[in-house]
Amino acid sequence: MSKESTLKTGRGDLAREREGLALMRNTARGALRVMETVGVVGRQGMGWLLGDRDELPVRLRRTFESLGATYIKLGQFIASSPSLFPEDYVREFQKCLDRTPPMPFHYIRDTVEQELGQPLSALYEWVDPEPLASASIAQVHAARLHNGADVVIKVQRPGVRHVLLTDFNFLYFSARVLESLAPGLSRSALSGVIEELQAGMLEECDFLQEARNLEAFNRFLVESGNNAVAAPRPVASHTTARVLTMERFHGVPLTDLEVLRAYTDDPAGTLITALNTWFSSLMMCDFFHADLHAGNLMLLEDGRVGFIDFGMVGRIRRETWAGMMELFEAIGHGDVDSMARAMAMVGMTREEVDVAALARDIGALQDRLTDVDASSLVQADRNDREVNQLLTDLVRIGEGHGIRFPREFALLLKQFLYFDRYVQALAPELDMFSDGRVDMFGALDQLPGGDEPLH
């Protein structure tokens, strides 16, 4: 064997050895994580047996918070999915906290340098050691590039992807065992939900995918000739799967009318711009932003509307969007009969729905759907609880009539209710359904036909 062949064989053996060691480390970490999970669940269960008898949803929410990132996100998924989970669990998990102690700055420095292959000082002119935000998956720091551009750096927490994979494998196995022990339990209600959530959370851990989402939304803005809206632009040279560098926006959240007046003399026009952009994105973008709550829309200093945080996106089918548009219009006009027909169209049911009876039950919610305190929008936590409660009540009524709603129903309806709060806070005189400046239905005419997904 030649010397060159011997060297290649040696390098190959070394690579296989490293892969084997990495596999062993990951297996050991996975086993430790499963043991940690079983330990936390066991302690919570033992506490309950010994007399700490709080409500089961409360106990489960506290257990999830103790277990960290995966379970916190699962709790937030439960909180935003009244079409899938019981009302008392949805209400309790709206309290699920995603506040974690900040990582020390030396970890931020080490991770960025390891991922990007250069010293921090060579990559950025300045990085603020104090984080702007710290959550279960990532931490965000303000920074400045050497060309003077203000940016933010989103840095993934150590080992979070591996923890997610381990946790979801454990959850999926547990769900399948539970389904086998309770044959009447629909698999789509447990293992199917876990698979869907796993895919979404793993995508959220891929900052390259988030960068692609930002690029796709910015392409949509350019192709639609929309100069009044902006999304942060990622810096490709400073971005990897675990580090995302993107443009920093300066402005104010679209929540406080008095603050907005310092930036614009037409709050209603600003809101209409945001509404039309979102509706048109349904047909022209690969996805729609599914979480435009009070903190994710900004009025920038230059007067544009900023769409931020594309961590939660959705995709819809034509027939679902058609039914949702009818539901939106019915809510706006206070037409409970049309609301009932639209809910029957969007939902999945095995039997004929008594639309008249459904309409009578929806009528009890009418005042809450059309007459909500606009100040709640400024109070983000209160607004989110209020919107989720309305969703829960609507879904509960639908289920009482044999209707089961898909996940996308909750995403779209929740977003519409957020828009309704924006209107009441910023432009109470605006009627989204009759104001000619709002093009709510233009997207529907151009959507693909049939049962194919839109994107």
Protein backbone atom coordinates (compact mmCIF):
# COMPACT_ATOMS: atom_id res chain seq x y z
CA MET A 1 0.00 0.00 0.00
CA SER A 2 1.34 3.44 -0.92
CA LYS A 3 2.11 6.09 1.66
CA GLU A 4 -0.71 8.27 0.26
CA SER A 5 -3.21 5.40 0.57
CA THR A 6 -2.06 4.73 4.12
CA LEU A 7 -2.61 8.41 5.03
CA LYS A 8 -6.12 8.39 3.50
CA THR A 9 -6.97 5.19 5.36
CA GLY A 10 -5.69 6.73 8.58
CA ARG A 11 -7.74 9.89 8.10
CA GLY A 12 -10.83 7.78 7.36
CA ASP A 13 -10.29 5.73 10.51
CA LEU A 14 -9.86 8.93 12.53
CA ALA A 15 -13.07 10.38 11.11
CA ARG A 16 -14.99 7.20 11.91
CA GLU A 17 -13.53 7.18 15.40
CA ARG A 18 -14.65 10.78 15.95
CA GLU A 19 -18.13 9.95 14.66
CA GLY A 20 -18.28 6.97 16.99
CA LEU A 21 -17.22 9.09 19.96
CA ALA A 22 -19.80 11.75 19.06
CA LEU A 23 -22.49 9.07 18.84
CA MET A 24 -21.49 7.69 22.24
CA ARG A 25 -21.56 11.18 23.79
CA ASN A 26 -24.98 11.91 22.29
CA THR A 27 -26.31 8.54 23.44
CA ALA A 28 -25.03 9.19 26.96
CA ARG A 29 -26.51 12.69 26.98
CA GLY A 30 -29.81 11.32 25.72
CA ALA A 31 -29.90 8.71 28.47
CA LEU A 32 -29.12 11.36 31.09
CA ARG A 33 -31.88 13.60 29.72
CA VAL A 34 -34.43 10.79 29.86
CA MET A 35 -33.36 10.06 33.45
CA GLU A 36 -33.69 13.76 34.30
CA THR A 37 -37.16 13.85 32.76
CA VAL A 38 -38.30 10.75 34.64
CA GLY A 39 -36.84 12.21 37.85
CA VAL A 40 -38.70 15.54 37.52
CA VAL A 41 -41.97 13.80 36.65
CA GLY A 42 -41.46 11.38 39.55
CA ARG A 43 -40.84 14.20 42.06
CA GLN A 44 -43.92 16.09 40.87
CA GLY A 45 -46.00 12.92 41.09
CA MET A 46 -44.68 12.10 44.54
CA GLY A 47 -45.50 15.59 45.74
CA TRP A 48 -49.04 15.14 44.54
CA LEU A 49 -49.33 11.77 46.30
CA LEU A 50 -47.98 13.27 49.53
CA GLY A 51 -50.70 15.86 49.68
CA ASP A 52 -49.70 18.77 47.44
CA ARG A 53 -52.99 18.41 45.58
CA ASP A 54 -53.13 21.37 43.19
CA GLU A 55 -55.16 21.02 40.00
CA LEU A 56 -53.74 18.61 37.41
CA PRO A 57 -53.30 21.33 34.72
CA VAL A 58 -51.39 23.46 37.26
CA ARG A 59 -49.19 20.52 38.26
CA LEU A 60 -48.50 19.69 34.62
CA ARG A 61 -47.66 23.29 33.74
CA ARG A 62 -45.18 23.51 36.61
CA THR A 63 -43.63 20.20 35.55
CA PHE A 64 -43.22 21.49 31.99
CA GLU A 65 -41.53 24.66 33.22
CA SER A 66 -39.12 22.57 35.31
CA LEU A 67 -38.18 20.46 32.27
CA GLY A 68 -37.10 23.39 30.12
CA ALA A 69 -37.15 24.33 26.45
CA THR A 70 -39.04 21.47 24.81
CA TYR A 71 -41.77 21.28 27.40
CA ILE A 72 -42.14 25.05 27.69
CA LYS A 73 -42.71 25.21 23.93
CA LEU A 74 -45.12 22.29 24.19
CA GLY A 75 -46.99 24.18 26.90
CA GLN A 76 -47.19 27.26 24.69
CA PHE A 77 -48.45 25.06 21.85
CA ILE A 78 -51.21 23.77 24.16
CA ALA A 79 -52.06 27.36 25.13
CA SER A 80 -52.49 28.39 21.50
CA SER A 81 -54.38 25.26 20.37
CA PRO A 82 -57.90 25.30 21.83
CA SER A 83 -59.00 23.18 18.88
CA LEU A 84 -56.85 20.31 20.18
CA PHE A 85 -56.78 20.50 23.99
CA PRO A 86 -59.30 20.83 26.87
CA GLU A 87 -60.25 24.33 27.97
CA ASP A 88 -58.76 24.10 31.48
CA TYR A 89 -55.36 23.06 30.07
CA VAL A 90 -55.40 25.81 27.44
CA ARG A 91 -56.16 28.41 30.10
CA GLU A 92 -53.50 27.17 32.52
CA PHE A 93 -50.75 26.86 29.92
CA GLN A 94 -51.25 30.48 28.91
CA LYS A 95 -49.19 31.12 32.07
CA CYS A 96 -46.31 28.99 30.80
CA LEU A 97 -43.14 31.00 31.29
CA ASP A 98 -40.34 31.19 28.74
CA ARG A 99 -37.97 33.34 30.78
CA THR A 100 -34.58 31.79 31.36
CA PRO A 101 -31.42 33.10 33.04
CA PRO A 102 -29.13 34.77 30.50
CA MET A 103 -26.09 32.88 29.28
CA PRO A 104 -22.73 34.42 30.24
CA PHE A 105 -21.22 36.54 27.51
CA HIS A 106 -18.15 34.33 27.18
CA TYR A 107 -20.44 31.58 25.86
CA ILE A 108 -21.87 34.00 23.29
CA ARG A 109 -18.36 34.94 22.24
CA ASP A 110 -17.17 31.32 22.05
CA THR A 111 -20.20 30.14 20.09
CA VAL A 112 -20.06 32.96 17.55
CA GLU A 113 -16.32 32.51 17.02
CA GLN A 114 -16.65 28.74 16.71
CA GLU A 115 -19.54 28.98 14.25
CA LEU A 116 -18.13 31.80 12.10
CA GLY A 117 -14.46 30.87 12.37
CA GLN A 118 -13.12 34.33 13.26
CA PRO A 119 -12.49 36.38 16.40
CA LEU A 120 -15.51 38.37 17.56
CA SER A 121 -13.60 41.61 17.03
CA ALA A 122 -12.97 40.69 13.39
CA LEU A 123 -16.66 39.99 12.82
CA TYR A 124 -18.26 42.93 14.64
CA GLU A 125 -17.15 46.43 15.53
CA TRP A 126 -19.11 46.22 18.77
CA VAL A 127 -21.30 43.70 20.64
CA ASP A 128 -23.34 44.62 23.70
CA PRO A 129 -22.51 42.08 26.46
CA GLU A 130 -25.97 42.64 27.98
CA PRO A 131 -28.66 40.63 26.12
CA LEU A 132 -31.71 42.24 24.59
CA ALA A 133 -33.67 39.04 25.25
CA SER A 134 -33.05 35.57 26.67
CA ALA A 135 -35.39 32.64 26.03
CA SER A 136 -35.26 28.85 26.15
CA ILE A 137 -33.83 28.35 22.66
CA ALA A 138 -31.69 31.43 22.03
CA GLN A 139 -30.31 34.69 23.35
CA VAL A 140 -30.22 37.99 21.44
CA HIS A 141 -27.56 40.73 21.61
CA ALA A 142 -27.30 44.11 19.93
CA ALA A 143 -24.19 44.63 17.79
CA ARG A 144 -22.66 46.73 15.02
CA LEU A 145 -20.85 45.55 11.90
CA HIS A 146 -17.58 47.11 10.75
CA ASN A 147 -19.50 48.88 7.97
CA GLY A 148 -21.51 50.71 10.65
CA ALA A 149 -24.75 48.75 10.25
CA ASP A 150 -26.73 48.08 13.44
CA VAL A 151 -27.60 44.40 13.81
CA VAL A 152 -28.80 41.87 16.36
CA ILE A 153 -27.14 38.49 16.94
CA LYS A 154 -29.33 35.53 17.85
CA VAL A 155 -27.24 32.76 19.45
CA GLN A 156 -28.59 29.28 20.13
CA ARG A 157 -28.27 27.80 23.59
CA PRO A 158 -25.82 24.88 23.95
CA GLY A 159 -27.17 21.44 23.10
CA VAL A 160 -30.75 22.64 22.65
CA ARG A 161 -31.31 20.73 19.39
CA HIS A 162 -30.12 17.47 20.90
CA VAL A 163 -32.34 18.03 23.95
CA LEU A 164 -35.32 18.65 21.67
CA LEU A 165 -34.69 15.43 19.71
CA THR A 166 -34.30 13.39 22.89
CA ASP A 167 -37.38 14.91 24.51
CA PHE A 168 -39.59 14.44 21.45
CA ASN A 169 -38.47 10.84 20.96
CA PHE A 170 -39.41 10.21 24.59
CA LEU A 171 -42.75 12.02 24.18
CA TYR A 172 -43.57 10.19 20.95
CA PHE A 173 -42.80 6.80 22.51
CA SER A 174 -44.93 7.68 25.56
CA ALA A 175 -47.79 8.83 23.32
CA ARG A 176 -47.77 5.62 21.32
CA VAL A 177 -47.79 3.56 24.52
CA LEU A 178 -50.72 5.60 25.83
CA GLU A 179 -52.57 5.17 22.53
CA SER A 180 -52.10 1.42 22.66
CA LEU A 181 -53.43 1.33 26.23
CA ALA A 182 -56.41 3.54 25.32
CA PRO A 183 -57.60 2.43 21.86
CA GLY A 184 -60.36 5.03 21.86
CA LEU A 185 -57.79 7.81 21.91
CA SER A 186 -57.22 9.24 18.43
CA ARG A 187 -53.60 8.99 17.36
CA SER A 188 -53.84 12.38 15.68
CA ALA A 189 -54.58 13.86 19.10
CA LEU A 190 -51.26 12.79 20.60
CA SER A 191 -48.51 11.31 18.48
CA GLY A 192 -49.65 13.31 15.45
CA VAL A 193 -49.56 16.56 17.42
CA ILE A 194 -46.12 15.67 18.82
CA GLU A 195 -44.77 15.00 15.32
CA GLU A 196 -46.15 18.33 14.08
CA LEU A 197 -44.70 20.24 17.02
CA GLN A 198 -41.33 18.52 16.69
CA ALA A 199 -41.05 19.54 13.04
CA GLY A 200 -41.91 23.13 13.92
CA MET A 201 -39.50 23.39 16.83
CA LEU A 202 -36.61 21.79 14.99
CA GLU A 203 -37.21 24.27 12.18
CA GLU A 204 -37.13 27.05 14.78
CA CYS A 205 -33.71 25.77 15.89
CA ASP A 206 -32.39 26.04 12.32
CA PHE A 207 -31.38 29.68 12.02
CA LEU A 208 -30.50 29.15 8.37
CA GLN A 209 -34.19 28.35 7.79
CA GLU A 210 -35.22 31.46 9.71
CA ALA A 211 -32.84 33.46 7.51
CA ARG A 212 -34.47 31.92 4.43
CA ASN A 213 -37.89 32.91 5.80
CA LEU A 214 -36.70 36.49 6.20
CA GLU A 215 -35.29 36.50 2.66
CA ALA A 216 -38.52 35.03 1.26
CA PHE A 217 -40.66 37.67 2.99
CA ASN A 218 -38.38 40.45 1.77
CA ARG A 219 -38.61 39.03 -1.79
CA PHE A 220 -42.38 39.06 -1.46
CA LEU A 221 -42.24 42.75 -0.46
CA VAL A 222 -40.06 43.59 -3.48
CA GLU A 223 -42.12 41.56 -5.95
CA SER A 224 -45.36 43.10 -4.71
CA GLY A 225 -43.88 46.61 -4.90
CA ASN A 226 -44.45 47.12 -1.18
CA ASN A 227 -42.13 49.90 0.04
CA ALA A 228 -44.16 50.65 3.16
CA VAL A 229 -43.28 47.46 5.04
CA ALA A 230 -39.95 45.93 6.04
CA ALA A 231 -38.61 42.75 7.63
CA PRO A 232 -35.08 42.39 9.01
CA ARG A 233 -32.53 41.34 6.40
CA PRO A 234 -30.20 38.53 7.48
CA VAL A 235 -26.44 38.95 7.10
CA ALA A 236 -25.47 35.75 5.27
CA SER A 237 -21.74 36.06 5.99
CA HIS A 238 -22.47 36.17 9.73
CA THR A 239 -25.16 33.47 9.89
CA THR A 240 -25.05 29.71 10.51
CA ALA A 241 -27.52 27.13 11.81
CA ARG A 242 -26.76 28.30 15.37
CA VAL A 243 -25.99 32.00 14.91
CA LEU A 244 -28.28 34.44 13.10
CA THR A 245 -27.15 38.00 12.44
CA MET A 246 -29.84 40.30 11.08
CA GLU A 247 -30.69 43.93 10.62
CA ARG A 248 -31.73 45.76 13.79
CA PHE A 249 -34.95 47.75 13.66
CA HIS A 250 -35.42 50.99 15.58
CA GLY A 251 -38.97 52.06 16.33
CA VAL A 252 -41.94 51.41 18.60
CA PRO A 253 -44.43 48.54 18.87
CA LEU A 254 -47.81 49.11 17.25
CA THR A 255 -49.58 49.22 20.59
CA ASP A 256 -49.77 52.72 22.03
CA LEU A 257 -51.64 55.40 20.11
CA GLU A 258 -50.01 58.30 21.97
CA VAL A 259 -46.50 57.03 21.23
CA LEU A 260 -47.40 56.32 17.60
CA ARG A 261 -48.52 59.91 17.08
CA ALA A 262 -44.93 60.99 17.64
CA TYR A 263 -44.04 58.98 14.52
CA THR A 264 -47.12 59.33 12.30
CA ASP A 265 -50.19 61.51 11.92
CA ASP A 266 -52.11 58.62 10.34
CA PRO A 267 -52.24 55.60 12.71
CA ALA A 268 -55.16 54.15 10.73
CA GLY A 269 -53.13 54.28 7.50
CA THR A 270 -50.25 52.52 9.23
CA LEU A 271 -52.58 49.77 10.41
CA ILE A 272 -54.14 49.38 6.95
CA THR A 273 -50.67 48.95 5.46
CA ALA A 274 -49.96 46.11 7.90
CA LEU A 275 -53.35 44.47 7.23
CA ASN A 276 -53.03 44.57 3.44
CA THR A 277 -49.48 43.22 3.60
CA TRP A 278 -50.52 40.26 5.71
CA PHE A 279 -53.54 39.43 3.53
CA SER A 280 -51.53 39.62 0.32
CA SER A 281 -48.79 37.43 1.81
CA LEU A 282 -51.30 34.58 1.91
CA MET A 283 -51.11 34.23 -1.87
CA MET A 284 -47.70 35.63 -2.75
CA CYS A 285 -45.41 34.35 0.00
CA ASP A 286 -44.36 30.81 0.93
CA PHE A 287 -46.06 31.22 4.31
CA PHE A 288 -48.01 33.65 6.44
CA HIS A 289 -46.84 35.18 9.71
CA ALA A 290 -48.89 33.37 12.34
CA ASP A 291 -47.99 35.39 15.45
CA LEU A 292 -48.41 39.11 14.76
CA HIS A 293 -49.28 40.01 18.34
CA ALA A 294 -48.59 43.39 19.87
CA GLY A 295 -44.84 42.85 20.12
CA ASN A 296 -44.20 41.63 16.57
CA LEU A 297 -45.40 44.66 14.62
CA MET A 298 -43.38 47.89 14.82
CA LEU A 299 -43.62 51.38 13.44
CA LEU A 300 -40.07 52.19 12.40
CA GLU A 301 -38.45 55.59 12.71
CA ASP A 302 -38.59 56.05 8.92
CA GLY A 303 -42.37 55.49 8.89
CA ARG A 304 -42.39 51.92 7.55
CA VAL A 305 -44.13 49.05 9.31
CA GLY A 306 -41.75 46.38 10.57
CA PHE A 307 -42.75 42.71 10.67
CA ILE A 308 -40.46 40.84 13.09
CA ASP A 309 -40.05 37.35 14.58
CA PHE A 310 -40.91 34.77 11.94
CA GLY A 311 -40.60 31.86 14.35
CA MET A 312 -44.26 30.87 13.95
CA VAL A 313 -45.48 30.66 10.36
CA GLY A 314 -48.37 28.79 8.79
CA ARG A 315 -49.62 27.42 5.49
CA ILE A 316 -53.23 27.03 4.47
CA ARG A 317 -55.51 25.40 1.92
CA ARG A 318 -57.90 27.28 -0.32
CA GLU A 319 -61.09 25.89 1.22
CA THR A 320 -59.90 26.71 4.73
CA TRP A 321 -59.10 30.29 3.79
CA ALA A 322 -62.45 30.68 1.98
CA GLY A 323 -64.29 29.57 5.11
CA MET A 324 -62.12 31.77 7.32
CA MET A 325 -62.86 34.83 5.18
CA GLU A 326 -66.57 34.19 5.56
CA LEU A 327 -66.07 33.80 9.31
CA PHE A 328 -64.06 37.04 9.55
CA GLU A 329 -66.72 38.96 7.65
CA ALA A 330 -69.50 37.45 9.74
CA ILE A 331 -67.72 38.42 12.98
CA GLY A 332 -67.20 41.94 11.64
CA HIS A 333 -70.89 42.30 10.73
CA GLY A 334 -72.23 40.54 13.81
CA ASP A 335 -73.97 37.93 11.63
CA VAL A 336 -74.16 34.80 13.80
CA ASP A 337 -75.94 32.75 11.11
CA SER A 338 -73.09 33.36 8.67
CA MET A 339 -70.59 32.63 11.43
CA ALA A 340 -72.23 29.25 12.01
CA ARG A 341 -72.18 28.37 8.30
CA ALA A 342 -68.52 29.38 8.02
CA MET A 343 -67.54 27.34 11.08
CA ALA A 344 -69.28 24.31 9.59
CA MET A 345 -67.36 24.87 6.33
CA VAL A 346 -63.94 25.18 8.01
CA GLY A 347 -64.36 22.37 10.54
CA MET A 348 -64.24 18.64 10.06
CA THR A 349 -67.41 16.72 10.93
CA ARG A 350 -68.87 13.31 10.25
CA GLU A 351 -72.49 14.41 10.46
CA GLU A 352 -74.82 17.18 9.37
CA VAL A 353 -74.47 20.31 11.48
CA ASP A 354 -77.59 22.02 12.80
CA VAL A 355 -76.54 25.50 11.69
CA ALA A 356 -79.49 27.22 13.36
CA ALA A 357 -78.68 25.66 16.74
CA LEU A 358 -74.99 26.49 16.30
CA ALA A 359 -75.91 30.10 15.52
CA ARG A 360 -77.96 30.36 18.72
CA ASP A 361 -75.00 29.19 20.80
CA ILE A 362 -72.60 31.55 19.04
CA GLY A 363 -74.98 34.42 19.73
CA ALA A 364 -74.07 34.21 23.41
CA LEU A 365 -70.52 35.27 22.48
CA GLN A 366 -71.52 38.08 20.17
CA ASP A 367 -70.97 40.92 22.63
CA ARG A 368 -67.46 39.67 23.46
CA LEU A 369 -66.56 39.26 19.78
CA THR A 370 -67.58 42.78 18.79
CA ASP A 371 -67.25 44.86 21.97
CA VAL A 372 -63.86 44.39 23.59
CA ASP A 373 -61.92 46.94 25.65
CA ALA A 374 -59.37 48.33 23.19
CA SER A 375 -56.94 49.15 26.02
CA SER A 376 -56.34 45.42 26.35
CA LEU A 377 -54.12 45.59 23.26
CA VAL A 378 -51.62 47.76 25.10
CA GLN A 379 -51.48 45.12 27.85
CA ALA A 380 -49.99 42.27 25.83
CA ASP A 381 -50.53 39.52 28.44
CA ARG A 382 -54.13 40.49 29.01
CA ASN A 383 -54.80 40.72 25.29
CA ASP A 384 -53.33 37.29 24.64
CA ARG A 385 -55.42 35.73 27.41
CA GLU A 386 -58.55 37.41 26.09
CA VAL A 387 -57.98 36.25 22.51
CA ASN A 388 -57.24 32.71 23.63
CA GLN A 389 -60.38 32.65 25.75
CA LEU A 390 -62.51 33.69 22.78
CA LEU A 391 -60.87 30.99 20.69
CA THR A 392 -61.49 28.43 23.40
CA ASP A 393 -65.16 29.36 23.67
CA LEU A 394 -65.72 29.28 19.91
CA VAL A 395 -64.02 25.90 19.60
CA ARG A 396 -65.97 24.52 22.56
CA ILE A 397 -69.24 25.59 20.95
CA GLY A 398 -68.21 24.04 17.63
CA GLU A 399 -67.22 20.78 19.27
CA GLY A 400 -70.60 20.68 21.00
CA HIS A 401 -72.10 20.46 17.52
CA GLY A 402 -69.75 17.75 16.28
CA ILE A 403 -67.23 20.07 14.60
CA ARG A 404 -63.49 19.55 15.00
CA PHE A 405 -61.25 22.33 13.73
CA PRO A 406 -57.81 21.93 12.14
CA ARG A 407 -54.77 23.61 13.70
CA GLU A 408 -54.69 26.21 10.92
CA PHE A 409 -58.16 27.40 11.98
CA ALA A 410 -56.82 28.48 15.36
CA LEU A 411 -53.78 30.18 13.81
CA LEU A 412 -55.86 32.19 11.35
CA LEU A 413 -58.67 33.07 13.76
CA LYS A 414 -56.21 34.11 16.46
CA GLN A 415 -54.45 36.40 14.00
CA PHE A 416 -57.73 37.94 12.91
CA LEU A 417 -58.68 38.62 16.53
CA TYR A 418 -55.29 40.29 17.03
CA PHE A 419 -56.06 42.53 14.05
CA ASP A 420 -59.46 43.31 15.54
CA ARG A 421 -57.73 44.54 18.71
CA TYR A 422 -55.33 46.67 16.68
CA VAL A 423 -58.28 48.29 14.92
CA GLN A 424 -60.08 49.05 18.19
CA ALA A 425 -56.94 50.55 19.75
CA LEU A 426 -55.53 52.51 16.80
CA ALA A 427 -58.43 53.16 14.41
CA PRO A 428 -61.80 52.53 16.11
CA GLU A 429 -63.61 54.20 13.23
CA LEU A 430 -62.21 51.68 10.73
CA ASP A 431 -64.45 48.91 9.38
CA MET A 432 -62.14 46.27 7.90
CA PHE A 433 -64.98 44.85 5.81
CA SER A 434 -66.33 48.00 4.22
CA ASP A 435 -63.33 50.33 4.10
CA GLY A 436 -62.13 50.38 0.48
CA ARG A 437 -58.52 50.78 1.63
CA VAL A 438 -58.50 47.28 3.15
CA ASP A 439 -58.08 44.57 0.50
CA MET A 440 -59.02 41.58 2.64
CA PHE A 441 -60.52 39.44 -0.11
CA GLY A 442 -58.16 40.17 -3.00
CA ALA A 443 -55.89 37.30 -1.99
CA LEU A 444 -58.70 34.76 -2.14
CA ASP A 445 -59.42 35.43 -5.82
CA GLN A 446 -55.86 34.56 -6.78
CA LEU A 447 -55.34 31.47 -4.64
CA PRO A 448 -54.85 28.11 -6.37
CA GLY A 449 -57.97 25.97 -6.65
CA GLY A 450 -58.80 22.49 -5.43
CA ASP A 451 -57.54 20.79 -2.32
CA GLU A 452 -53.86 21.49 -2.88
CA PRO A 453 -51.98 23.32 -0.14
CA LEU A 454 -51.30 26.94 -1.01
CA HIS A 455 -47.55 26.62 -0.55
